Amino acid sequence: MKRSLSGIQPSGVLHIGNYFGAIKQFIDNQASYEGMYFVADYHSLTSSPNPQDLRDNSYNIVLDYLALGLDPAKSTIFLQSDVPEHAELYWILSTLTPVALMERGHSYKDKIEKGISANMGLLS
C-alpha cells in the first residue's frame, strides 16, 4: 500500500482552504493510502506563537481531523513534537543542505516578501 505523510501547522483555526487544500484529500485517500497526518507544532514555532494558543490550536486540529472524517483506524494522527526522530533527522539533513537551496523554498520566500524576519527555523 502507498503511504501519505502530511501535516498542518496549528497557527490558527482551520478554514475552508485547509479542507479543500489538504484534509479532503486525506479523507478521500484513506482506502488506498496508509496515511500519517500530523500537527506541525514544531514547525509553527518559526512564527513565535503564544504557548496556550499553540496547545489549543493543536488540540482543535486533531478534533477537526476526526470530525471531518479522518478515521484513526485507517490513518495515524500525531503531534510532530511527539516524534523525537523528526528533530534528529532535521538536524542531520540541515548539516547536508546548502543554505542557498533552502532560500529558494516557497514558504521562506513568501514570509520574507511579507516582511517577516527570518530565523533559522524558517529555512526548514
N, C-alpha and C. Protein backbone atom coordinates (compact mmCIF):
# COMPACT_ATOMS: atom_id res chain seq x y z
N MET A 1 0.84 -1.18 0.00
CA MET A 1 0.00 0.00 0.00
C MET A 1 0.89 1.24 0.00
N LYS A 2 0.48 2.26 -0.73
CA LYS A 2 1.21 3.53 -0.76
C LYS A 2 1.06 4.24 0.57
N ARG A 3 1.99 5.14 0.84
CA ARG A 3 1.95 5.93 2.08
C ARG A 3 1.77 7.40 1.76
N SER A 4 1.12 8.09 2.67
CA SER A 4 0.92 9.53 2.56
C SER A 4 1.32 10.15 3.90
N LEU A 5 2.15 11.18 3.86
CA LEU A 5 2.57 11.89 5.07
C LEU A 5 2.36 13.37 4.83
N SER A 6 1.62 14.01 5.72
CA SER A 6 1.38 15.44 5.58
C SER A 6 1.02 16.01 6.94
N GLY A 7 1.19 17.32 7.08
CA GLY A 7 0.87 17.97 8.33
C GLY A 7 0.35 19.37 8.13
N ILE A 8 -0.29 19.89 9.16
CA ILE A 8 -0.84 21.24 9.15
C ILE A 8 -0.32 21.96 10.39
N GLN A 9 0.15 23.20 10.18
CA GLN A 9 0.63 24.00 11.31
C GLN A 9 -0.55 24.48 12.15
N PRO A 10 -0.44 24.46 13.46
CA PRO A 10 -1.51 24.96 14.32
C PRO A 10 -1.41 26.46 14.55
N SER A 11 -1.36 27.21 13.46
CA SER A 11 -1.18 28.66 13.56
C SER A 11 -2.50 29.40 13.74
N GLY A 12 -3.60 28.69 13.72
CA GLY A 12 -4.91 29.31 13.89
C GLY A 12 -6.00 28.27 13.69
N VAL A 13 -7.22 28.75 13.57
CA VAL A 13 -8.36 27.88 13.36
C VAL A 13 -8.35 27.40 11.90
N LEU A 14 -8.63 26.11 11.70
CA LEU A 14 -8.70 25.60 10.33
C LEU A 14 -9.81 26.32 9.57
N HIS A 15 -9.63 26.43 8.26
CA HIS A 15 -10.59 27.13 7.41
C HIS A 15 -10.88 26.29 6.17
N ILE A 16 -11.77 26.78 5.33
CA ILE A 16 -12.20 26.04 4.15
C ILE A 16 -11.03 25.71 3.22
N GLY A 17 -10.04 26.58 3.17
CA GLY A 17 -8.85 26.32 2.35
C GLY A 17 -8.08 25.11 2.84
N ASN A 18 -7.99 24.94 4.17
CA ASN A 18 -7.34 23.74 4.73
C ASN A 18 -8.10 22.48 4.32
N TYR A 19 -9.43 22.60 4.33
CA TYR A 19 -10.24 21.43 3.98
C TYR A 19 -10.02 21.03 2.52
N PHE A 20 -10.24 21.98 1.61
CA PHE A 20 -10.12 21.64 0.19
C PHE A 20 -8.67 21.46 -0.25
N GLY A 21 -7.74 22.14 0.40
CA GLY A 21 -6.34 22.04 0.02
C GLY A 21 -5.63 20.81 0.55
N ALA A 22 -6.13 20.23 1.63
CA ALA A 22 -5.42 19.10 2.22
C ALA A 22 -6.34 18.04 2.82
N ILE A 23 -7.17 18.43 3.77
CA ILE A 23 -7.90 17.45 4.57
C ILE A 23 -8.84 16.58 3.74
N LYS A 24 -9.50 17.16 2.75
CA LYS A 24 -10.39 16.37 1.89
C LYS A 24 -9.61 15.24 1.21
N GLN A 25 -8.39 15.54 0.76
CA GLN A 25 -7.57 14.50 0.13
C GLN A 25 -7.16 13.43 1.14
N PHE A 26 -6.87 13.85 2.38
CA PHE A 26 -6.54 12.88 3.43
C PHE A 26 -7.69 11.87 3.57
N ILE A 27 -8.90 12.40 3.66
CA ILE A 27 -10.09 11.57 3.87
C ILE A 27 -10.36 10.70 2.65
N ASP A 28 -10.33 11.30 1.46
CA ASP A 28 -10.62 10.57 0.22
C ASP A 28 -9.62 9.44 -0.04
N ASN A 29 -8.40 9.59 0.42
CA ASN A 29 -7.35 8.61 0.13
C ASN A 29 -7.18 7.53 1.20
N GLN A 30 -8.02 7.53 2.22
CA GLN A 30 -7.85 6.58 3.32
C GLN A 30 -7.91 5.12 2.88
N ALA A 31 -8.68 4.82 1.83
CA ALA A 31 -8.82 3.44 1.38
C ALA A 31 -7.60 2.96 0.59
N SER A 32 -6.88 3.90 -0.02
CA SER A 32 -5.78 3.49 -0.90
C SER A 32 -4.39 3.87 -0.39
N TYR A 33 -4.32 4.61 0.72
CA TYR A 33 -3.03 5.02 1.27
C TYR A 33 -2.96 4.70 2.75
N GLU A 34 -1.77 4.38 3.21
CA GLU A 34 -1.50 4.32 4.64
C GLU A 34 -1.18 5.76 5.04
N GLY A 35 -2.14 6.43 5.65
CA GLY A 35 -1.99 7.85 5.95
C GLY A 35 -1.36 8.12 7.29
N MET A 36 -0.44 9.08 7.31
CA MET A 36 0.19 9.56 8.53
C MET A 36 0.07 11.08 8.50
N TYR A 37 -0.80 11.62 9.35
CA TYR A 37 -1.11 13.04 9.32
C TYR A 37 -0.79 13.64 10.69
N PHE A 38 -0.09 14.76 10.66
CA PHE A 38 0.38 15.31 11.92
C PHE A 38 0.04 16.78 12.07
N VAL A 39 0.11 17.21 13.31
CA VAL A 39 0.02 18.63 13.65
C VAL A 39 1.45 19.11 13.76
N ALA A 40 1.82 20.06 12.90
CA ALA A 40 3.21 20.52 12.79
C ALA A 40 3.50 21.59 13.84
N ASP A 41 3.45 21.18 15.11
CA ASP A 41 3.64 22.13 16.20
C ASP A 41 5.06 22.67 16.27
N TYR A 42 6.06 21.84 16.00
CA TYR A 42 7.44 22.35 15.96
C TYR A 42 7.59 23.38 14.84
N HIS A 43 7.03 23.06 13.70
CA HIS A 43 7.19 23.94 12.55
C HIS A 43 6.53 25.30 12.80
N SER A 44 5.47 25.32 13.59
CA SER A 44 4.78 26.59 13.86
C SER A 44 5.60 27.51 14.77
N LEU A 45 6.63 26.97 15.42
CA LEU A 45 7.46 27.81 16.30
C LEU A 45 8.24 28.88 15.52
N THR A 46 8.32 28.75 14.20
CA THR A 46 9.02 29.76 13.40
C THR A 46 8.32 31.11 13.46
N SER A 47 7.05 31.11 13.87
CA SER A 47 6.31 32.38 13.95
C SER A 47 6.07 32.82 15.39
N SER A 48 6.76 32.22 16.36
CA SER A 48 6.68 32.58 17.78
C SER A 48 5.25 32.66 18.31
N PRO A 49 4.51 31.56 18.26
CA PRO A 49 3.13 31.60 18.74
C PRO A 49 3.04 31.65 20.26
N ASN A 50 1.92 32.10 20.74
CA ASN A 50 1.61 32.07 22.15
C ASN A 50 1.47 30.59 22.56
N PRO A 51 2.15 30.16 23.64
CA PRO A 51 2.12 28.74 24.01
C PRO A 51 0.71 28.17 24.23
N GLN A 52 -0.17 28.95 24.85
CA GLN A 52 -1.53 28.45 25.07
C GLN A 52 -2.29 28.32 23.75
N ASP A 53 -2.11 29.29 22.85
CA ASP A 53 -2.75 29.21 21.53
C ASP A 53 -2.23 27.99 20.77
N LEU A 54 -0.93 27.73 20.87
CA LEU A 54 -0.34 26.58 20.19
C LEU A 54 -0.97 25.28 20.70
N ARG A 55 -1.11 25.15 22.01
CA ARG A 55 -1.74 23.95 22.59
C ARG A 55 -3.20 23.82 22.14
N ASP A 56 -3.94 24.93 22.26
CA ASP A 56 -5.36 24.91 21.90
C ASP A 56 -5.55 24.60 20.42
N ASN A 57 -4.79 25.26 19.57
CA ASN A 57 -4.92 25.04 18.13
C ASN A 57 -4.53 23.62 17.75
N SER A 58 -3.50 23.07 18.39
CA SER A 58 -3.07 21.69 18.12
C SER A 58 -4.19 20.71 18.46
N TYR A 59 -4.77 20.89 19.63
CA TYR A 59 -5.87 20.04 20.08
C TYR A 59 -7.05 20.14 19.11
N ASN A 60 -7.38 21.37 18.72
CA ASN A 60 -8.53 21.58 17.84
C ASN A 60 -8.31 21.01 16.44
N ILE A 61 -7.08 21.03 15.95
CA ILE A 61 -6.82 20.44 14.63
C ILE A 61 -7.09 18.94 14.67
N VAL A 62 -6.67 18.27 15.74
CA VAL A 62 -6.94 16.84 15.85
C VAL A 62 -8.45 16.59 15.90
N LEU A 63 -9.17 17.39 16.67
CA LEU A 63 -10.63 17.25 16.72
C LEU A 63 -11.24 17.47 15.35
N ASP A 64 -10.74 18.47 14.62
CA ASP A 64 -11.26 18.75 13.28
C ASP A 64 -10.96 17.60 12.32
N TYR A 65 -9.75 17.05 12.38
CA TYR A 65 -9.41 15.88 11.55
C TYR A 65 -10.48 14.79 11.76
N LEU A 66 -10.77 14.50 13.02
CA LEU A 66 -11.72 13.44 13.34
C LEU A 66 -13.14 13.81 12.92
N ALA A 67 -13.56 15.03 13.21
CA ALA A 67 -14.91 15.47 12.89
C ALA A 67 -15.17 15.49 11.38
N LEU A 68 -14.14 15.77 10.61
CA LEU A 68 -14.29 15.82 9.15
C LEU A 68 -14.21 14.45 8.49
N GLY A 69 -13.88 13.42 9.26
CA GLY A 69 -13.93 12.07 8.72
C GLY A 69 -12.62 11.32 8.63
N LEU A 70 -11.55 11.87 9.18
CA LEU A 70 -10.29 11.12 9.18
C LEU A 70 -10.43 10.00 10.22
N ASP A 71 -10.31 8.78 9.77
CA ASP A 71 -10.56 7.61 10.61
C ASP A 71 -9.26 7.13 11.26
N PRO A 72 -9.15 7.21 12.59
CA PRO A 72 -7.91 6.78 13.26
C PRO A 72 -7.64 5.28 13.13
N ALA A 73 -8.62 4.50 12.69
CA ALA A 73 -8.39 3.08 12.44
C ALA A 73 -7.69 2.86 11.09
N LYS A 74 -7.75 3.87 10.23
CA LYS A 74 -7.15 3.77 8.90
C LYS A 74 -5.93 4.68 8.73
N SER A 75 -5.81 5.68 9.58
CA SER A 75 -4.73 6.66 9.46
C SER A 75 -4.13 6.93 10.84
N THR A 76 -2.88 7.31 10.85
CA THR A 76 -2.20 7.69 12.09
C THR A 76 -2.22 9.20 12.20
N ILE A 77 -2.63 9.70 13.36
CA ILE A 77 -2.66 11.14 13.63
C ILE A 77 -1.73 11.38 14.81
N PHE A 78 -0.81 12.35 14.67
CA PHE A 78 0.15 12.57 15.75
C PHE A 78 0.65 14.01 15.76
N LEU A 79 1.25 14.39 16.89
CA LEU A 79 1.92 15.68 17.03
C LEU A 79 3.37 15.52 16.58
N GLN A 80 3.84 16.46 15.81
CA GLN A 80 5.23 16.44 15.34
C GLN A 80 6.19 16.34 16.54
N SER A 81 5.90 17.06 17.60
CA SER A 81 6.79 17.08 18.77
C SER A 81 6.80 15.76 19.54
N ASP A 82 5.87 14.86 19.26
CA ASP A 82 5.85 13.55 19.92
C ASP A 82 6.80 12.55 19.27
N VAL A 83 7.43 12.95 18.17
CA VAL A 83 8.33 12.05 17.44
C VAL A 83 9.74 12.66 17.47
N PRO A 84 10.57 12.31 18.46
CA PRO A 84 11.90 12.92 18.58
C PRO A 84 12.79 12.65 17.37
N GLU A 85 12.51 11.58 16.65
CA GLU A 85 13.31 11.27 15.45
C GLU A 85 13.15 12.35 14.38
N HIS A 86 12.04 13.05 14.41
CA HIS A 86 11.84 14.13 13.44
C HIS A 86 12.88 15.22 13.64
N ALA A 87 13.08 15.64 14.88
CA ALA A 87 14.08 16.67 15.17
C ALA A 87 15.49 16.17 14.88
N GLU A 88 15.73 14.90 15.16
CA GLU A 88 17.05 14.32 14.88
C GLU A 88 17.32 14.29 13.37
N LEU A 89 16.34 13.86 12.61
CA LEU A 89 16.51 13.83 11.15
C LEU A 89 16.68 15.24 10.60
N TYR A 90 15.93 16.20 11.15
CA TYR A 90 16.08 17.60 10.74
C TYR A 90 17.53 18.05 10.93
N TRP A 91 18.09 17.74 12.09
CA TRP A 91 19.47 18.17 12.35
C TRP A 91 20.43 17.54 11.36
N ILE A 92 20.29 16.25 11.12
CA ILE A 92 21.18 15.57 10.17
C ILE A 92 21.06 16.18 8.78
N LEU A 93 19.83 16.35 8.31
CA LEU A 93 19.63 16.91 6.97
C LEU A 93 20.12 18.36 6.88
N SER A 94 19.99 19.11 7.98
CA SER A 94 20.43 20.52 7.95
C SER A 94 21.95 20.63 7.79
N THR A 95 22.68 19.61 8.19
CA THR A 95 24.13 19.65 8.01
C THR A 95 24.54 19.34 6.58
N LEU A 96 23.61 18.81 5.80
CA LEU A 96 23.90 18.41 4.43
C LEU A 96 23.30 19.33 3.37
N THR A 97 22.38 20.20 3.78
CA THR A 97 21.63 21.01 2.83
C THR A 97 22.20 22.41 2.73
N PRO A 98 22.53 22.86 1.52
CA PRO A 98 23.06 24.22 1.35
C PRO A 98 22.00 25.28 1.68
N VAL A 99 22.41 26.35 2.34
CA VAL A 99 21.50 27.45 2.67
C VAL A 99 20.87 28.02 1.41
N ALA A 100 21.64 28.15 0.34
CA ALA A 100 21.12 28.72 -0.91
C ALA A 100 19.93 27.91 -1.43
N LEU A 101 19.97 26.61 -1.25
CA LEU A 101 18.85 25.77 -1.67
C LEU A 101 17.62 26.06 -0.83
N MET A 102 17.80 26.20 0.46
CA MET A 102 16.68 26.48 1.36
C MET A 102 16.08 27.86 1.10
N GLU A 103 16.91 28.82 0.73
CA GLU A 103 16.41 30.17 0.46
C GLU A 103 15.53 30.23 -0.78
N ARG A 104 15.53 29.19 -1.58
CA ARG A 104 14.66 29.14 -2.76
C ARG A 104 13.29 28.55 -2.43
N GLY A 105 13.09 28.10 -1.21
CA GLY A 105 11.82 27.49 -0.81
C GLY A 105 10.67 28.49 -0.86
N HIS A 106 9.50 28.03 -1.30
CA HIS A 106 8.36 28.93 -1.45
C HIS A 106 7.89 29.52 -0.12
N SER A 107 7.89 28.74 0.93
CA SER A 107 7.44 29.24 2.23
C SER A 107 8.39 30.31 2.76
N TYR A 108 9.68 30.07 2.62
CA TYR A 108 10.68 31.04 3.06
C TYR A 108 10.53 32.35 2.28
N LYS A 109 10.46 32.25 0.96
CA LYS A 109 10.36 33.46 0.13
C LYS A 109 9.07 34.22 0.42
N ASP A 110 7.98 33.50 0.65
CA ASP A 110 6.70 34.14 0.94
C ASP A 110 6.78 34.96 2.23
N LYS A 111 7.38 34.39 3.26
CA LYS A 111 7.47 35.10 4.54
C LYS A 111 8.41 36.30 4.45
N ILE A 112 9.50 36.17 3.73
CA ILE A 112 10.44 37.28 3.55
C ILE A 112 9.76 38.42 2.80
N GLU A 113 9.00 38.08 1.75
CA GLU A 113 8.28 39.10 0.98
C GLU A 113 7.26 39.83 1.84
N LYS A 114 6.72 39.15 2.85
CA LYS A 114 5.74 39.77 3.75
C LYS A 114 6.42 40.55 4.87
N GLY A 115 7.75 40.60 4.86
CA GLY A 115 8.48 41.37 5.85
C GLY A 115 8.71 40.66 7.17
N ILE A 116 8.46 39.37 7.20
CA ILE A 116 8.70 38.60 8.42
C ILE A 116 10.19 38.36 8.57
N SER A 117 10.71 38.65 9.74
CA SER A 117 12.14 38.48 10.00
C SER A 117 12.51 37.00 9.95
N ALA A 118 13.55 36.69 9.21
CA ALA A 118 13.96 35.30 9.04
C ALA A 118 14.70 34.78 10.27
N ASN A 119 14.40 33.54 10.64
CA ASN A 119 15.18 32.84 11.65
C ASN A 119 15.60 31.50 11.04
N MET A 120 16.45 30.77 11.69
CA MET A 120 16.96 29.52 11.13
C MET A 120 15.84 28.50 10.91
N GLY A 121 14.86 28.48 11.79
CA GLY A 121 13.75 27.56 11.64
C GLY A 121 12.93 27.82 10.39
N LEU A 122 12.89 29.07 9.97
CA LEU A 122 12.13 29.43 8.77
C LEU A 122 12.74 28.80 7.52
N LEU A 123 14.02 28.54 7.55
CA LEU A 123 14.67 27.92 6.39
C LEU A 123 14.26 26.46 6.23
N SER A 124 13.76 25.86 7.26
CA SER A 124 13.39 24.45 7.16
C SER A 124 11.92 24.31 6.93
